């Protein structure tokens, strides 16, 4: 019984809660997504809580995914963007180290739903740095970092 308790607790901790409405993936199933992520070998490059053996630091860790504002450092971290990334990362960012995994649309939606469940219990309503609507991003009239004196 004790041997089953620890893995169950770890799995439950990885999926914190239901993501806020704006981070839910339409048609995605987080439980099925955990299976997709495990079967497609995502842990060969990423640390992924709740996925056995996903402890590699070759790519960025996927901890607290639902709290992140950006995907690949260039795109707002939203469900539609993540699904598109999972379907064809090379089309979005040619030359990226992220390989095309050959996912179906359903598999990409499930994987995205799983990733957005990671850290969902601590997700802000709108993740820091994410534009609220088209046109909200871009240059600001004041510097974002205080300039050095002299």
C-alpha atoms as a PDB file:
ATOM      1  CA  UNK A   1       0.000   0.000   0.000  1.00  0.00           C
ATOM      2  CA  UNK A   2       2.797   2.458   0.878  1.00  0.00           C
ATOM      3  CA  UNK A   3       4.484   1.713  -2.456  1.00  0.00           C
ATOM      4  CA  UNK A   4       1.392   3.009  -4.269  1.00  0.00           C
ATOM      5  CA  UNK A   5       0.839   6.046  -2.062  1.00  0.00           C
ATOM      6  CA  UNK A   6       3.947   8.064  -3.014  1.00  0.00           C
ATOM      7  CA  UNK A   7       3.480   7.798  -6.809  1.00  0.00           C
ATOM      8  CA  UNK A   8      -0.191   8.720  -6.426  1.00  0.00           C
ATOM      9  CA  UNK A   9       0.653  11.775  -4.318  1.00  0.00           C
ATOM     10  CA  UNK A  10       3.298  12.881  -6.812  1.00  0.00           C
ATOM     11  CA  UNK A  11       0.867  12.523  -9.692  1.00  0.00           C
ATOM     12  CA  UNK A  12      -1.785  14.532  -7.871  1.00  0.00           C
ATOM     13  CA  UNK A  13       0.727  17.263  -7.019  1.00  0.00           C
ATOM     14  CA  UNK A  14       1.718  17.626 -10.672  1.00  0.00           C
ATOM     15  CA  UNK A  15      -1.830  18.489 -11.743  1.00  0.00           C
ATOM     16  CA  UNK A  16      -2.533  21.251  -9.282  1.00  0.00           C
ATOM     17  CA  UNK A  17      -6.016  22.261 -10.296  1.00  0.00           C
ATOM     18  CA  UNK A  18      -8.197  23.237 -13.189  1.00  0.00           C
ATOM     19  CA  UNK A  19      -6.568  26.103 -15.100  1.00  0.00           C
ATOM     20  CA  UNK A  20      -8.334  29.471 -15.147  1.00  0.00           C
ATOM     21  CA  UNK A  21     -10.875  29.753 -18.004  1.00  0.00           C
ATOM     22  CA  UNK A  22      -8.535  31.599 -20.372  1.00  0.00           C
ATOM     23  CA  UNK A  23      -5.932  28.811 -20.043  1.00  0.00           C
ATOM     24  CA  UNK A  24      -8.267  25.859 -20.650  1.00  0.00           C
ATOM     25  CA  UNK A  25      -7.709  23.929 -23.855  1.00  0.00           C
ATOM     26  CA  UNK A  26     -10.927  23.322 -25.773  1.00  0.00           C
ATOM     27  CA  UNK A  27     -11.292  19.613 -26.438  1.00  0.00           C
ATOM     28  CA  UNK A  28      -8.213  18.746 -24.378  1.00  0.00           C
ATOM     29  CA  UNK A  29      -8.007  16.060 -21.698  1.00  0.00           C
ATOM     30  CA  UNK A  30      -5.186  16.559 -19.172  1.00  0.00           C
ATOM     31  CA  UNK A  31      -5.108  12.876 -18.122  1.00  0.00           C
ATOM     32  CA  UNK A  32      -4.777  11.754 -21.743  1.00  0.00           C
ATOM     33  CA  UNK A  33      -2.201  14.495 -22.262  1.00  0.00           C
ATOM     34  CA  UNK A  34       0.001  13.117 -19.485  1.00  0.00           C
ATOM     35  CA  UNK A  35       0.024   9.804 -21.386  1.00  0.00           C
ATOM     36  CA  UNK A  36       0.882  11.557 -24.679  1.00  0.00           C
ATOM     37  CA  UNK A  37       3.745  13.482 -23.045  1.00  0.00           C
ATOM     38  CA  UNK A  38       5.115  10.283 -21.527  1.00  0.00           C
ATOM     39  CA  UNK A  39       4.769   8.176 -24.673  1.00  0.00           C
ATOM     40  CA  UNK A  40       6.271  10.780 -27.012  1.00  0.00           C
ATOM     41  CA  UNK A  41       9.414  11.034 -24.897  1.00  0.00           C
ATOM     42  CA  UNK A  42       9.100  14.687 -23.927  1.00  0.00           C
ATOM     43  CA  UNK A  43      11.068  13.860 -20.766  1.00  0.00           C
ATOM     44  CA  UNK A  44      14.138  13.175 -22.931  1.00  0.00           C
ATOM     45  CA  UNK A  45      14.550  16.968 -23.099  1.00  0.00           C
ATOM     46  CA  UNK A  46      12.365  18.436 -20.336  1.00  0.00           C
ATOM     47  CA  UNK A  47      11.744  18.215 -16.608  1.00  0.00           C
ATOM     48  CA  UNK A  48       8.001  17.569 -16.361  1.00  0.00           C
ATOM     49  CA  UNK A  49       6.329  17.109 -12.970  1.00  0.00           C
ATOM     50  CA  UNK A  50       4.120  14.045 -12.846  1.00  0.00           C
ATOM     51  CA  UNK A  51       5.807  12.278 -15.772  1.00  0.00           C
ATOM     52  CA  UNK A  52       8.038   9.394 -14.793  1.00  0.00           C
ATOM     53  CA  UNK A  53      11.624   9.800 -15.995  1.00  0.00           C
ATOM     54  CA  UNK A  54      11.075  13.367 -17.250  1.00  0.00           C
ATOM     55  CA  UNK A  55      14.166  14.797 -15.603  1.00  0.00           C
ATOM     56  CA  UNK A  56      16.315  16.086 -18.486  1.00  0.00           C
ATOM     57  CA  UNK A  57      17.585  19.639 -18.619  1.00  0.00           C
ATOM     58  CA  UNK A  58      18.374  19.635 -22.374  1.00  0.00           C
ATOM     59  CA  UNK A  59      15.334  21.868 -22.932  1.00  0.00           C
ATOM     60  CA  UNK A  60      13.586  24.199 -20.510  1.00  0.00           C
ATOM     61  CA  UNK A  61      11.814  22.643 -17.523  1.00  0.00           C
ATOM     62  CA  UNK A  62       8.040  22.620 -17.930  1.00  0.00           C
ATOM     63  CA  UNK A  63       7.332  23.159 -14.232  1.00  0.00           C
ATOM     64  CA  UNK A  64       4.676  25.745 -13.404  1.00  0.00           C
ATOM     65  CA  UNK A  65       3.717  25.840 -17.085  1.00  0.00           C
ATOM     66  CA  UNK A  66       0.365  27.539 -16.546  1.00  0.00           C
ATOM     67  CA  UNK A  67       2.101  30.425 -14.770  1.00  0.00           C
ATOM     68  CA  UNK A  68       4.361  31.258 -17.723  1.00  0.00           C
ATOM     69  CA  UNK A  69       3.650  34.290 -19.868  1.00  0.00           C
ATOM     70  CA  UNK A  70       5.655  33.250 -22.923  1.00  0.00           C
ATOM     71  CA  UNK A  71       6.215  30.208 -25.100  1.00  0.00           C
ATOM     72  CA  UNK A  72       9.642  29.779 -26.729  1.00  0.00           C
ATOM     73  CA  UNK A  73      10.469  33.303 -25.558  1.00  0.00           C
ATOM     74  CA  UNK A  74       8.466  34.788 -28.441  1.00  0.00           C
ATOM     75  CA  UNK A  75       4.801  33.869 -28.283  1.00  0.00           C
ATOM     76  CA  UNK A  76       2.120  34.532 -25.647  1.00  0.00           C
ATOM     77  CA  UNK A  77       1.558  31.336 -23.686  1.00  0.00           C
ATOM     78  CA  UNK A  78      -2.069  30.697 -24.591  1.00  0.00           C
ATOM     79  CA  UNK A  79      -3.853  27.430 -25.378  1.00  0.00           C
ATOM     80  CA  UNK A  80      -4.139  28.086 -29.127  1.00  0.00           C
ATOM     81  CA  UNK A  81      -0.483  29.054 -29.356  1.00  0.00           C
ATOM     82  CA  UNK A  82       0.703  26.010 -27.403  1.00  0.00           C
ATOM     83  CA  UNK A  83      -1.376  23.642 -29.544  1.00  0.00           C
ATOM     84  CA  UNK A  84       0.080  25.194 -32.714  1.00  0.00           C
ATOM     85  CA  UNK A  85       3.591  24.892 -31.242  1.00  0.00           C
ATOM     86  CA  UNK A  86       3.106  21.238 -30.356  1.00  0.00           C
ATOM     87  CA  UNK A  87       1.778  20.494 -33.846  1.00  0.00           C
ATOM     88  CA  UNK A  88       4.670  22.149 -35.716  1.00  0.00           C
ATOM     89  CA  UNK A  89       7.301  24.046 -33.706  1.00  0.00           C
ATOM     90  CA  UNK A  90       9.554  24.468 -36.761  1.00  0.00           C
ATOM     91  CA  UNK A  91       6.823  26.397 -38.602  1.00  0.00           C
ATOM     92  CA  UNK A  92       6.568  28.869 -35.729  1.00  0.00           C
ATOM     93  CA  UNK A  93      10.276  29.190 -35.006  1.00  0.00           C
ATOM     94  CA  UNK A  94      12.471  27.784 -37.789  1.00  0.00           C
ATOM     95  CA  UNK A  95      15.635  26.226 -36.419  1.00  0.00           C
ATOM     96  CA  UNK A  96      14.295  25.706 -32.899  1.00  0.00           C
ATOM     97  CA  UNK A  97      15.688  22.686 -31.090  1.00  0.00           C
ATOM     98  CA  UNK A  98      12.123  21.499 -30.436  1.00  0.00           C
ATOM     99  CA  UNK A  99      11.457  18.651 -32.871  1.00  0.00           C
ATOM    100  CA  UNK A 100       8.224  18.014 -34.699  1.00  0.00           C
ATOM    101  CA  UNK A 101       6.707  15.138 -32.708  1.00  0.00           C
ATOM    102  CA  UNK A 102       4.117  14.174 -35.318  1.00  0.00           C
ATOM    103  CA  UNK A 103       1.205  14.765 -32.943  1.00  0.00           C
ATOM    104  CA  UNK A 104      -2.366  14.718 -34.146  1.00  0.00           C
ATOM    105  CA  UNK A 105      -4.565  17.697 -33.343  1.00  0.00           C
ATOM    106  CA  UNK A 106      -6.257  15.695 -30.553  1.00  0.00           C
ATOM    107  CA  UNK A 107      -2.902  14.642 -29.062  1.00  0.00           C
ATOM    108  CA  UNK A 108      -1.629  18.233 -29.163  1.00  0.00           C
ATOM    109  CA  UNK A 109      -4.799  19.461 -27.405  1.00  0.00           C
ATOM    110  CA  UNK A 110      -4.484  16.768 -24.748  1.00  0.00           C
ATOM    111  CA  UNK A 111      -0.776  17.482 -24.188  1.00  0.00           C
ATOM    112  CA  UNK A 112      -1.497  21.215 -23.948  1.00  0.00           C
ATOM    113  CA  UNK A 113      -4.316  20.567 -21.455  1.00  0.00           C
ATOM    114  CA  UNK A 114      -1.893  18.545 -19.333  1.00  0.00           C
ATOM    115  CA  UNK A 115       0.807  21.214 -19.482  1.00  0.00           C
ATOM    116  CA  UNK A 116      -1.662  23.944 -18.515  1.00  0.00           C
ATOM    117  CA  UNK A 117      -2.678  21.848 -15.494  1.00  0.00           C
ATOM    118  CA  UNK A 118       0.897  22.089 -14.148  1.00  0.00           C
ATOM    119  CA  UNK A 119       0.937  24.979 -11.683  1.00  0.00           C
ATOM    120  CA  UNK A 120      -2.713  25.829 -12.397  1.00  0.00           C
ATOM    121  CA  UNK A 121      -3.519  26.196  -8.708  1.00  0.00           C
ATOM    122  CA  UNK A 122      -1.092  29.108  -8.561  1.00  0.00           C
ATOM    123  CA  UNK A 123      -1.780  30.666 -11.970  1.00  0.00           C
ATOM    124  CA  UNK A 124      -2.535  34.360 -12.055  1.00  0.00           C
ATOM    125  CA  UNK A 125      -5.662  35.478 -13.875  1.00  0.00           C
ATOM    126  CA  UNK A 126      -3.466  36.890 -16.660  1.00  0.00           C
ATOM    127  CA  UNK A 127       0.164  35.710 -16.507  1.00  0.00           C
ATOM    128  CA  UNK A 128       2.739  38.450 -16.076  1.00  0.00           C
ATOM    129  CA  UNK A 129       3.930  39.944 -19.337  1.00  0.00           C
ATOM    130  CA  UNK A 130       1.058  38.573 -21.407  1.00  0.00           C
ATOM    131  CA  UNK A 131      -0.861  41.125 -23.480  1.00  0.00           C
ATOM    132  CA  UNK A 132      -4.492  41.325 -22.419  1.00  0.00           C
ATOM    133  CA  UNK A 133      -5.690  41.864 -25.977  1.00  0.00           C
ATOM    134  CA  UNK A 134      -4.301  42.519 -29.455  1.00  0.00           C
ATOM    135  CA  UNK A 135      -2.403  45.811 -29.419  1.00  0.00           C
ATOM    136  CA  UNK A 136      -1.653  45.708 -25.676  1.00  0.00           C
ATOM    137  CA  UNK A 137       1.941  44.565 -26.245  1.00  0.00           C
ATOM    138  CA  UNK A 138       4.795  46.466 -27.818  1.00  0.00           C
ATOM    139  CA  UNK A 139       6.864  49.542 -26.905  1.00  0.00           C
ATOM    140  CA  UNK A 140       6.142  51.545 -23.798  1.00  0.00           C
ATOM    141  CA  UNK A 141       6.579  55.318 -23.451  1.00  0.00           C
ATOM    142  CA  UNK A 142       8.776  54.823 -20.365  1.00  0.00           C
ATOM    143  CA  UNK A 143      11.695  52.426 -19.987  1.00  0.00           C
ATOM    144  CA  UNK A 144      10.860  49.113 -18.342  1.00  0.00           C
ATOM    145  CA  UNK A 145      14.231  49.032 -16.608  1.00  0.00           C
ATOM    146  CA  UNK A 146      15.517  52.007 -14.690  1.00  0.00           C
ATOM    147  CA  UNK A 147      18.497  53.449 -16.592  1.00  0.00           C
ATOM    148  CA  UNK A 148      21.859  53.649 -14.860  1.00  0.00           C
ATOM    149  CA  UNK A 149      23.003  57.031 -13.600  1.00  0.00           C
ATOM    150  CA  UNK A 150      25.981  58.639 -15.358  1.00  0.00           C
END
